Amino acid sequence: MGKISIYTNESVDIAIAEGLKRRGVDASSARDTGRLGLTDEDQLVYAGNKKAAVFTHDTDFLKIAARWMEEGRTHHGIIYCHQKRYSVGECVRKLRMLTAVLTSEDMINHIEFL
């Protein structure tokens, strides 16, 4: 069973991916992978190719996941949090805890709400 890798889309503060990396979590962002400006669906495809769960504040990812489920397509997980719900530090702590209790296999076609 593999550890969860987290990919943050451009709606997420870059400090979250950086904070996760400093704490030993395999994390990357749209910015540091050169993926700014991609459509949400392309972001999800990119993360899937990297076997990473997407962390986002964008509800469009939830709609895409529902459509993909109907189409029989697979994603490697979506972790959603409303942008104003938690501070950067709280997001980092909660995501780090999530990576400690779930595996990448657990996240396949799974949506997790922080």
Protein backbone atom coordinates (compact mmCIF):
# COMPACT_ATOMS: atom_id res chain seq x y z
CA MET A 1 0.00 0.00 0.00
CA GLY A 2 1.40 3.35 -1.05
CA LYS A 3 1.41 6.66 0.69
CA ILE A 4 -0.82 9.40 -0.66
CA SER A 5 0.80 11.98 -2.89
CA ILE A 6 -0.95 15.34 -2.92
CA TYR A 7 -1.19 17.71 -5.86
CA THR A 8 -2.64 21.15 -5.17
CA ASN A 9 -4.39 22.97 -7.97
CA GLU A 10 -4.03 26.69 -8.54
CA SER A 11 -6.93 27.61 -6.22
CA VAL A 12 -4.81 26.48 -3.26
CA ASP A 13 -2.21 28.66 -1.53
CA ILE A 14 1.28 27.48 -2.54
CA ALA A 15 2.23 27.52 1.15
CA ILE A 16 0.12 24.39 1.70
CA ALA A 17 2.16 22.24 -0.72
CA GLU A 18 5.37 23.74 0.67
CA GLY A 19 4.31 23.03 4.26
CA LEU A 20 3.46 19.43 3.37
CA LYS A 21 6.84 18.93 1.70
CA ARG A 22 8.65 20.25 4.78
CA ARG A 23 6.78 17.65 6.83
CA GLY A 24 7.80 14.75 4.60
CA VAL A 25 4.63 14.47 2.51
CA ASP A 26 5.01 13.88 -1.22
CA ALA A 27 3.33 17.08 -2.43
CA SER A 28 3.46 19.32 -5.46
CA SER A 29 1.48 22.24 -6.79
CA ALA A 30 0.23 23.40 -10.16
CA ARG A 31 2.70 26.25 -9.88
CA ASP A 32 5.81 24.22 -9.19
CA THR A 33 4.97 21.66 -11.88
CA GLY A 34 4.32 24.31 -14.54
CA ARG A 35 0.62 23.43 -14.77
CA LEU A 36 -0.94 26.84 -14.10
CA GLY A 37 -3.79 27.64 -16.47
CA LEU A 38 -4.81 24.06 -17.24
CA THR A 39 -8.50 23.25 -17.11
CA ASP A 40 -9.75 21.53 -13.98
CA GLU A 41 -10.20 18.31 -15.91
CA ASP A 42 -6.64 18.51 -17.25
CA GLN A 43 -5.42 19.10 -13.68
CA LEU A 44 -7.23 15.94 -12.57
CA VAL A 45 -5.76 13.96 -15.48
CA TYR A 46 -2.26 15.23 -14.67
CA ALA A 47 -2.63 14.30 -10.99
CA GLY A 48 -3.93 10.87 -12.00
CA ASN A 49 -0.90 10.27 -14.20
CA LYS A 50 1.24 11.04 -11.14
CA LYS A 51 -1.03 8.86 -8.95
CA ALA A 52 -1.68 11.89 -6.75
CA ALA A 53 -4.85 13.05 -5.04
CA VAL A 54 -5.90 16.60 -5.89
CA PHE A 55 -6.35 19.02 -2.99
CA THR A 56 -8.62 21.87 -4.05
CA HIS A 57 -10.99 24.62 -2.92
CA ASP A 58 -12.81 24.41 -6.27
CA THR A 59 -16.22 22.68 -6.28
CA ASP A 60 -15.92 22.08 -10.03
CA PHE A 61 -13.69 19.09 -9.19
CA LEU A 62 -16.64 17.49 -7.38
CA LYS A 63 -18.79 17.87 -10.50
CA ILE A 64 -16.04 16.40 -12.67
CA ALA A 65 -15.68 13.43 -10.30
CA ALA A 66 -19.43 12.76 -10.48
CA ARG A 67 -19.34 12.85 -14.29
CA TRP A 68 -16.27 10.62 -14.39
CA MET A 69 -18.00 8.09 -12.13
CA GLU A 70 -20.94 7.94 -14.56
CA GLU A 71 -18.48 7.49 -17.44
CA GLY A 72 -16.52 4.77 -15.63
CA ARG A 73 -13.34 6.88 -15.49
CA THR A 74 -10.88 6.69 -12.62
CA HIS A 75 -9.17 9.40 -10.60
CA HIS A 76 -6.70 9.13 -7.72
CA GLY A 77 -8.76 11.07 -5.25
CA ILE A 78 -10.02 14.55 -4.57
CA ILE A 79 -9.63 16.28 -1.24
CA TYR A 80 -11.94 19.26 -0.99
CA CYS A 81 -11.99 22.08 1.54
CA HIS A 82 -13.86 25.37 1.37
CA GLN A 83 -11.25 28.11 1.00
CA LYS A 84 -12.28 30.00 4.14
CA ARG A 85 -12.83 26.98 6.39
CA TYR A 86 -9.26 26.47 7.64
CA SER A 87 -6.04 28.43 7.78
CA VAL A 88 -3.00 27.31 5.78
CA GLY A 89 -1.53 25.70 8.91
CA GLU A 90 -4.74 23.85 9.70
CA CYS A 91 -4.94 22.54 6.13
CA VAL A 92 -1.35 21.32 6.34
CA ARG A 93 -2.01 19.53 9.66
CA LYS A 94 -5.23 17.92 8.44
CA LEU A 95 -3.71 16.83 5.12
CA ARG A 96 -0.67 15.40 6.88
CA MET A 97 -2.96 13.41 9.19
CA LEU A 98 -4.94 12.20 6.18
CA THR A 99 -1.77 10.90 4.54
CA ALA A 100 -0.94 9.03 7.74
CA VAL A 101 -4.22 7.10 7.89
CA LEU A 102 -5.22 6.56 4.26
CA THR A 103 -3.28 4.97 1.40
CA SER A 104 -3.16 5.93 -2.25
CA GLU A 105 -5.30 2.86 -2.93
CA ASP A 106 -7.92 4.15 -0.47
CA MET A 107 -8.12 7.38 -2.46
CA ILE A 108 -8.91 5.87 -5.86
CA ASN A 109 -12.27 7.36 -6.94
CA HIS A 110 -12.68 8.74 -3.42
CA ILE A 111 -13.65 12.25 -2.39
CA GLU A 112 -12.53 13.40 1.05
CA PHE A 113 -13.88 16.55 2.67
CA LEU A 114 -11.67 18.37 5.17
